[in-house]
N, C-alpha and C. Protein backbone atom coordinates (compact mmCIF):
# COMPACT_ATOMS: atom_id res chain seq x y z
N MET A 1 2.21 27.92 -3.20
CA MET A 1 1.25 28.76 -2.50
C MET A 1 0.80 28.05 -1.23
N PRO A 2 0.45 28.80 -0.20
CA PRO A 2 -0.02 28.17 1.02
C PRO A 2 -1.36 27.49 0.80
N GLY A 3 -1.67 26.57 1.66
CA GLY A 3 -2.93 25.86 1.55
C GLY A 3 -3.73 25.96 2.82
N VAL A 4 -4.71 25.10 2.92
CA VAL A 4 -5.56 25.07 4.10
C VAL A 4 -5.80 23.63 4.51
N GLU A 5 -6.24 23.48 5.74
CA GLU A 5 -6.72 22.19 6.21
C GLU A 5 -8.16 22.36 6.64
N CYS A 6 -8.98 21.40 6.25
CA CYS A 6 -10.39 21.40 6.59
C CYS A 6 -10.71 20.07 7.25
N THR A 7 -11.62 20.09 8.19
CA THR A 7 -12.06 18.83 8.80
C THR A 7 -13.50 18.55 8.42
N TRP A 8 -13.81 17.28 8.38
CA TRP A 8 -15.16 16.84 8.00
C TRP A 8 -15.42 15.50 8.66
N ARG A 9 -16.58 15.37 9.28
CA ARG A 9 -16.97 14.09 9.88
C ARG A 9 -17.88 13.37 8.89
N ALA A 10 -17.48 12.15 8.51
CA ALA A 10 -18.28 11.33 7.58
C ALA A 10 -19.63 11.05 8.24
N PRO A 11 -20.72 11.51 7.64
CA PRO A 11 -22.03 11.35 8.28
C PRO A 11 -22.42 9.88 8.44
N SER A 12 -22.83 9.54 9.63
CA SER A 12 -23.26 8.16 9.90
C SER A 12 -24.55 7.81 9.20
N ASP A 13 -25.32 8.81 8.81
CA ASP A 13 -26.61 8.57 8.17
C ASP A 13 -26.60 8.88 6.67
N HIS A 14 -25.42 8.94 6.06
CA HIS A 14 -25.33 9.27 4.63
C HIS A 14 -26.05 8.18 3.83
N PRO A 15 -26.91 8.55 2.86
CA PRO A 15 -27.67 7.56 2.10
C PRO A 15 -26.80 6.57 1.30
N ALA A 16 -25.58 6.96 0.95
CA ALA A 16 -24.72 6.05 0.18
C ALA A 16 -24.25 4.86 1.01
N LEU A 17 -24.35 4.96 2.32
CA LEU A 17 -23.88 3.87 3.19
C LEU A 17 -24.82 2.66 3.18
N THR A 18 -26.05 2.86 2.77
CA THR A 18 -27.05 1.78 2.82
C THR A 18 -26.57 0.53 2.09
N GLY A 19 -26.05 0.67 0.90
CA GLY A 19 -25.62 -0.50 0.15
C GLY A 19 -24.11 -0.62 0.02
N HIS A 20 -23.37 0.14 0.79
CA HIS A 20 -21.91 0.18 0.61
C HIS A 20 -21.20 0.00 1.94
N PHE A 21 -21.10 -0.99 2.55
CA PHE A 21 -21.55 -2.35 2.27
C PHE A 21 -22.36 -2.83 3.45
N PRO A 22 -23.42 -3.61 3.20
CA PRO A 22 -24.27 -4.08 4.30
C PRO A 22 -23.44 -4.87 5.33
N GLY A 23 -23.63 -4.53 6.59
CA GLY A 23 -22.91 -5.20 7.65
C GLY A 23 -21.59 -4.55 8.01
N ARG A 24 -20.95 -3.88 7.06
CA ARG A 24 -19.69 -3.15 7.33
C ARG A 24 -19.64 -1.93 6.41
N PRO A 25 -20.43 -0.91 6.73
CA PRO A 25 -20.49 0.26 5.84
C PRO A 25 -19.17 1.03 5.79
N ILE A 26 -18.82 1.47 4.58
CA ILE A 26 -17.68 2.37 4.40
C ILE A 26 -18.13 3.50 3.46
N MET A 27 -17.55 4.65 3.66
CA MET A 27 -17.91 5.82 2.85
C MET A 27 -17.37 5.62 1.44
N PRO A 28 -18.24 5.71 0.41
CA PRO A 28 -17.77 5.57 -0.97
C PRO A 28 -16.78 6.67 -1.35
N GLY A 29 -15.82 6.32 -2.18
CA GLY A 29 -14.81 7.26 -2.63
C GLY A 29 -15.40 8.48 -3.31
N VAL A 30 -16.50 8.30 -4.04
CA VAL A 30 -17.11 9.43 -4.74
C VAL A 30 -17.61 10.48 -3.75
N VAL A 31 -18.04 10.07 -2.57
CA VAL A 31 -18.48 11.02 -1.55
C VAL A 31 -17.27 11.80 -1.03
N LEU A 32 -16.15 11.12 -0.84
CA LEU A 32 -14.93 11.80 -0.40
C LEU A 32 -14.45 12.79 -1.46
N LEU A 33 -14.50 12.39 -2.73
CA LEU A 33 -14.10 13.29 -3.81
C LEU A 33 -15.02 14.51 -3.87
N ASP A 34 -16.31 14.29 -3.70
CA ASP A 34 -17.27 15.40 -3.70
C ASP A 34 -16.95 16.39 -2.60
N GLN A 35 -16.66 15.87 -1.40
CA GLN A 35 -16.34 16.76 -0.28
C GLN A 35 -15.04 17.50 -0.56
N ALA A 36 -14.06 16.84 -1.16
CA ALA A 36 -12.79 17.49 -1.50
C ALA A 36 -13.01 18.63 -2.47
N ILE A 37 -13.88 18.42 -3.46
CA ILE A 37 -14.18 19.47 -4.44
C ILE A 37 -14.88 20.66 -3.76
N LEU A 38 -15.79 20.38 -2.84
CA LEU A 38 -16.45 21.47 -2.11
C LEU A 38 -15.44 22.30 -1.33
N PHE A 39 -14.49 21.63 -0.68
CA PHE A 39 -13.44 22.36 0.05
C PHE A 39 -12.55 23.14 -0.92
N ALA A 40 -12.24 22.55 -2.09
CA ALA A 40 -11.41 23.24 -3.08
C ALA A 40 -12.12 24.50 -3.59
N GLU A 41 -13.43 24.42 -3.78
CA GLU A 41 -14.18 25.61 -4.20
C GLU A 41 -14.11 26.70 -3.14
N ARG A 42 -14.14 26.31 -1.87
CA ARG A 42 -13.98 27.30 -0.80
C ARG A 42 -12.59 27.92 -0.85
N LEU A 43 -11.59 27.09 -1.17
CA LEU A 43 -10.21 27.56 -1.22
C LEU A 43 -10.04 28.66 -2.26
N VAL A 44 -10.61 28.45 -3.46
CA VAL A 44 -10.44 29.45 -4.51
C VAL A 44 -11.47 30.57 -4.42
N GLY A 45 -12.53 30.36 -3.62
CA GLY A 45 -13.48 31.43 -3.37
C GLY A 45 -14.66 31.51 -4.31
N TYR A 46 -14.83 30.52 -5.17
CA TYR A 46 -15.99 30.51 -6.07
C TYR A 46 -16.22 29.10 -6.60
N PRO A 47 -17.47 28.80 -7.00
CA PRO A 47 -17.75 27.47 -7.54
C PRO A 47 -17.14 27.33 -8.94
N VAL A 48 -16.70 26.14 -9.23
CA VAL A 48 -16.10 25.86 -10.52
C VAL A 48 -16.98 24.83 -11.23
N ALA A 49 -17.35 25.13 -12.47
CA ALA A 49 -18.28 24.27 -13.21
C ALA A 49 -17.65 22.96 -13.66
N ALA A 50 -16.41 22.99 -14.07
CA ALA A 50 -15.78 21.78 -14.61
C ALA A 50 -14.42 21.56 -13.95
N TRP A 51 -14.33 20.49 -13.17
CA TRP A 51 -13.08 20.12 -12.53
C TRP A 51 -12.61 18.81 -13.15
N GLN A 52 -11.33 18.60 -13.17
CA GLN A 52 -10.76 17.36 -13.67
C GLN A 52 -9.92 16.77 -12.55
N ILE A 53 -10.13 15.49 -12.29
CA ILE A 53 -9.35 14.80 -11.27
C ILE A 53 -8.26 14.03 -11.98
N GLY A 54 -7.00 14.41 -11.74
CA GLY A 54 -5.87 13.77 -12.41
C GLY A 54 -5.60 12.38 -11.91
N ALA A 55 -5.75 12.15 -10.62
CA ALA A 55 -5.52 10.83 -10.03
C ALA A 55 -6.14 10.81 -8.64
N ALA A 56 -6.59 9.64 -8.25
CA ALA A 56 -7.14 9.47 -6.91
C ALA A 56 -6.81 8.06 -6.43
N LYS A 57 -6.33 7.96 -5.20
CA LYS A 57 -6.04 6.66 -4.60
C LYS A 57 -6.64 6.66 -3.20
N PHE A 58 -7.24 5.55 -2.86
CA PHE A 58 -7.84 5.40 -1.54
C PHE A 58 -7.09 4.28 -0.82
N PHE A 59 -6.39 4.64 0.26
CA PHE A 59 -5.52 3.69 0.93
C PHE A 59 -6.18 2.95 2.09
N SER A 60 -7.23 3.52 2.64
CA SER A 60 -7.92 2.84 3.74
C SER A 60 -9.38 3.26 3.75
N PRO A 61 -10.25 2.37 4.24
CA PRO A 61 -11.67 2.69 4.27
C PRO A 61 -11.99 3.77 5.31
N VAL A 62 -13.04 4.52 5.04
CA VAL A 62 -13.52 5.54 5.96
C VAL A 62 -14.83 5.05 6.56
N ALA A 63 -14.85 4.95 7.87
CA ALA A 63 -16.03 4.47 8.58
C ALA A 63 -17.02 5.60 8.82
N PRO A 64 -18.30 5.26 8.93
CA PRO A 64 -19.29 6.29 9.28
C PRO A 64 -18.91 6.95 10.61
N GLY A 65 -19.01 8.27 10.65
CA GLY A 65 -18.69 9.02 11.86
C GLY A 65 -17.23 9.37 12.02
N GLU A 66 -16.37 8.87 11.12
CA GLU A 66 -14.93 9.15 11.24
C GLU A 66 -14.62 10.60 10.90
N LEU A 67 -13.74 11.21 11.68
CA LEU A 67 -13.32 12.58 11.44
C LEU A 67 -12.11 12.57 10.52
N LEU A 68 -12.19 13.34 9.43
CA LEU A 68 -11.13 13.40 8.44
C LEU A 68 -10.55 14.80 8.34
N VAL A 69 -9.28 14.88 7.97
CA VAL A 69 -8.62 16.14 7.72
C VAL A 69 -8.26 16.18 6.24
N PHE A 70 -8.78 17.17 5.54
CA PHE A 70 -8.49 17.39 4.13
C PHE A 70 -7.44 18.50 4.05
N ALA A 71 -6.27 18.21 3.48
CA ALA A 71 -5.22 19.21 3.29
C ALA A 71 -5.21 19.58 1.81
N LEU A 72 -5.39 20.87 1.51
CA LEU A 72 -5.44 21.36 0.13
C LEU A 72 -4.30 22.34 -0.10
N ASN A 73 -3.56 22.12 -1.18
CA ASN A 73 -2.44 23.00 -1.53
C ASN A 73 -2.51 23.30 -3.02
N ILE A 74 -2.30 24.57 -3.36
CA ILE A 74 -2.30 24.98 -4.76
C ILE A 74 -0.87 24.98 -5.26
N GLY A 75 -0.62 24.24 -6.35
CA GLY A 75 0.71 24.18 -6.94
C GLY A 75 1.00 25.40 -7.79
N GLU A 76 2.22 25.47 -8.28
CA GLU A 76 2.64 26.65 -9.04
C GLU A 76 1.88 26.81 -10.35
N HIS A 77 1.30 25.75 -10.88
CA HIS A 77 0.55 25.85 -12.14
C HIS A 77 -0.96 25.86 -11.90
N GLY A 78 -1.39 26.01 -10.65
CA GLY A 78 -2.81 26.13 -10.35
C GLY A 78 -3.50 24.84 -9.97
N ALA A 79 -2.82 23.71 -10.11
CA ALA A 79 -3.44 22.44 -9.70
C ALA A 79 -3.59 22.42 -8.19
N ILE A 80 -4.68 21.85 -7.71
CA ILE A 80 -4.92 21.75 -6.28
C ILE A 80 -4.67 20.31 -5.87
N ALA A 81 -3.68 20.11 -5.02
CA ALA A 81 -3.37 18.78 -4.48
C ALA A 81 -4.15 18.62 -3.19
N ILE A 82 -4.82 17.50 -3.07
CA ILE A 82 -5.65 17.24 -1.89
C ILE A 82 -5.24 15.91 -1.29
N SER A 83 -4.96 15.91 -0.01
CA SER A 83 -4.73 14.66 0.70
C SER A 83 -5.69 14.60 1.87
N VAL A 84 -6.08 13.40 2.23
CA VAL A 84 -7.04 13.20 3.30
C VAL A 84 -6.46 12.19 4.28
N ARG A 85 -6.57 12.50 5.55
CA ARG A 85 -6.12 11.56 6.57
C ARG A 85 -7.13 11.53 7.71
N GLY A 86 -7.14 10.44 8.43
CA GLY A 86 -7.99 10.35 9.60
C GLY A 86 -7.44 11.25 10.69
N ALA A 87 -8.32 11.84 11.46
CA ALA A 87 -7.89 12.75 12.52
C ALA A 87 -7.32 11.99 13.70
N GLY A 88 -7.58 10.69 13.78
CA GLY A 88 -7.02 9.89 14.87
C GLY A 88 -7.54 10.35 16.21
N ALA A 89 -6.65 10.39 17.17
CA ALA A 89 -7.04 10.75 18.53
C ALA A 89 -7.18 12.26 18.70
N ARG A 90 -6.70 13.02 17.73
CA ARG A 90 -6.80 14.48 17.86
C ARG A 90 -8.26 14.91 17.78
N SER A 91 -8.64 15.81 18.59
CA SER A 91 -10.00 16.35 18.55
C SER A 91 -9.97 17.65 17.76
N LEU A 92 -10.61 17.65 16.60
CA LEU A 92 -10.60 18.82 15.73
C LEU A 92 -12.02 19.33 15.53
N PRO A 93 -12.19 20.63 15.45
CA PRO A 93 -13.53 21.17 15.15
C PRO A 93 -13.88 20.92 13.68
N ALA A 94 -15.13 20.79 13.39
CA ALA A 94 -15.58 20.61 12.01
C ALA A 94 -15.61 21.98 11.34
N THR A 95 -14.52 22.35 10.72
CA THR A 95 -14.41 23.68 10.14
C THR A 95 -13.39 23.68 9.02
N CYS A 96 -13.39 24.73 8.26
CA CYS A 96 -12.38 24.95 7.23
C CYS A 96 -11.81 26.33 7.49
N TRP A 97 -10.51 26.41 7.72
CA TRP A 97 -9.91 27.70 8.01
C TRP A 97 -10.02 28.62 6.82
N GLN A 98 -10.32 29.85 7.08
CA GLN A 98 -10.51 30.83 6.02
C GLN A 98 -9.18 31.40 5.56
N LEU A 99 -9.08 31.61 4.26
CA LEU A 99 -7.91 32.27 3.70
C LEU A 99 -8.17 33.76 3.61
N PRO A 100 -7.12 34.57 3.69
CA PRO A 100 -7.33 36.01 3.50
C PRO A 100 -7.93 36.30 2.13
N HIS A 101 -8.78 37.31 2.07
CA HIS A 101 -9.46 37.67 0.83
C HIS A 101 -8.46 37.95 -0.30
N GLU A 102 -7.35 38.59 0.02
CA GLU A 102 -6.35 38.92 -1.01
C GLU A 102 -5.79 37.65 -1.65
N PHE A 103 -5.58 36.62 -0.82
CA PHE A 103 -5.05 35.37 -1.35
C PHE A 103 -6.07 34.70 -2.27
N ARG A 104 -7.33 34.64 -1.83
CA ARG A 104 -8.38 34.03 -2.67
C ARG A 104 -8.52 34.79 -3.98
N LYS A 105 -8.46 36.12 -3.91
CA LYS A 105 -8.57 36.94 -5.11
C LYS A 105 -7.40 36.67 -6.06
N ALA A 106 -6.20 36.55 -5.53
CA ALA A 106 -5.02 36.28 -6.37
C ALA A 106 -5.13 34.91 -7.02
N VAL A 107 -5.58 33.91 -6.27
CA VAL A 107 -5.74 32.56 -6.83
C VAL A 107 -6.79 32.57 -7.93
N ARG A 108 -7.91 33.24 -7.67
CA ARG A 108 -8.98 33.29 -8.68
C ARG A 108 -8.47 33.97 -9.95
N SER A 109 -7.76 35.07 -9.83
CA SER A 109 -7.23 35.77 -11.01
C SER A 109 -6.28 34.87 -11.78
N TRP A 110 -5.42 34.16 -11.05
CA TRP A 110 -4.46 33.27 -11.70
C TRP A 110 -5.18 32.15 -12.43
N LEU A 111 -6.17 31.52 -11.76
CA LEU A 111 -6.90 30.42 -12.39
C LEU A 111 -7.71 30.91 -13.61
N ASP A 112 -8.32 32.08 -13.51
CA ASP A 112 -9.07 32.63 -14.64
C ASP A 112 -8.14 32.90 -15.82
N ALA A 113 -6.95 33.48 -15.55
CA ALA A 113 -6.00 33.76 -16.60
C ALA A 113 -5.49 32.47 -17.23
N SER A 114 -5.27 31.45 -16.42
CA SER A 114 -4.79 30.16 -16.94
C SER A 114 -5.84 29.48 -17.81
N ALA A 115 -7.10 29.63 -17.45
CA ALA A 115 -8.18 29.01 -18.22
C ALA A 115 -8.30 29.62 -19.61
N GLY A 116 -7.89 30.87 -19.76
CA GLY A 116 -8.00 31.56 -21.03
C GLY A 116 -6.85 31.26 -22.00
N THR A 117 -5.84 30.54 -21.53
CA THR A 117 -4.68 30.27 -22.41
C THR A 117 -4.79 28.92 -23.06
């Protein structure tokens, strides 16, 4: 199934940066995972009460103020694969592209049906 790309700028004033780490702050992985879940909820079109993260790897630190691109793709069995990369020199708006309503409705129906099996 097609996916979406969303951009997000790591807030320079995020409260988690205070102790993570003094002198060289980096965005904690849990904050990145939380943002990924928020984008995934937008992708399917509704909030989900219980999500399971199958695996997560963090390859490089995220600095305060860094612009990130979250790429979300729904697999054939309903799993949502999320990858995150730095936007680099590209200038991207802080937005998440909208999916057509029909697509969101189809994904929601599929996920609801899968949850019942």
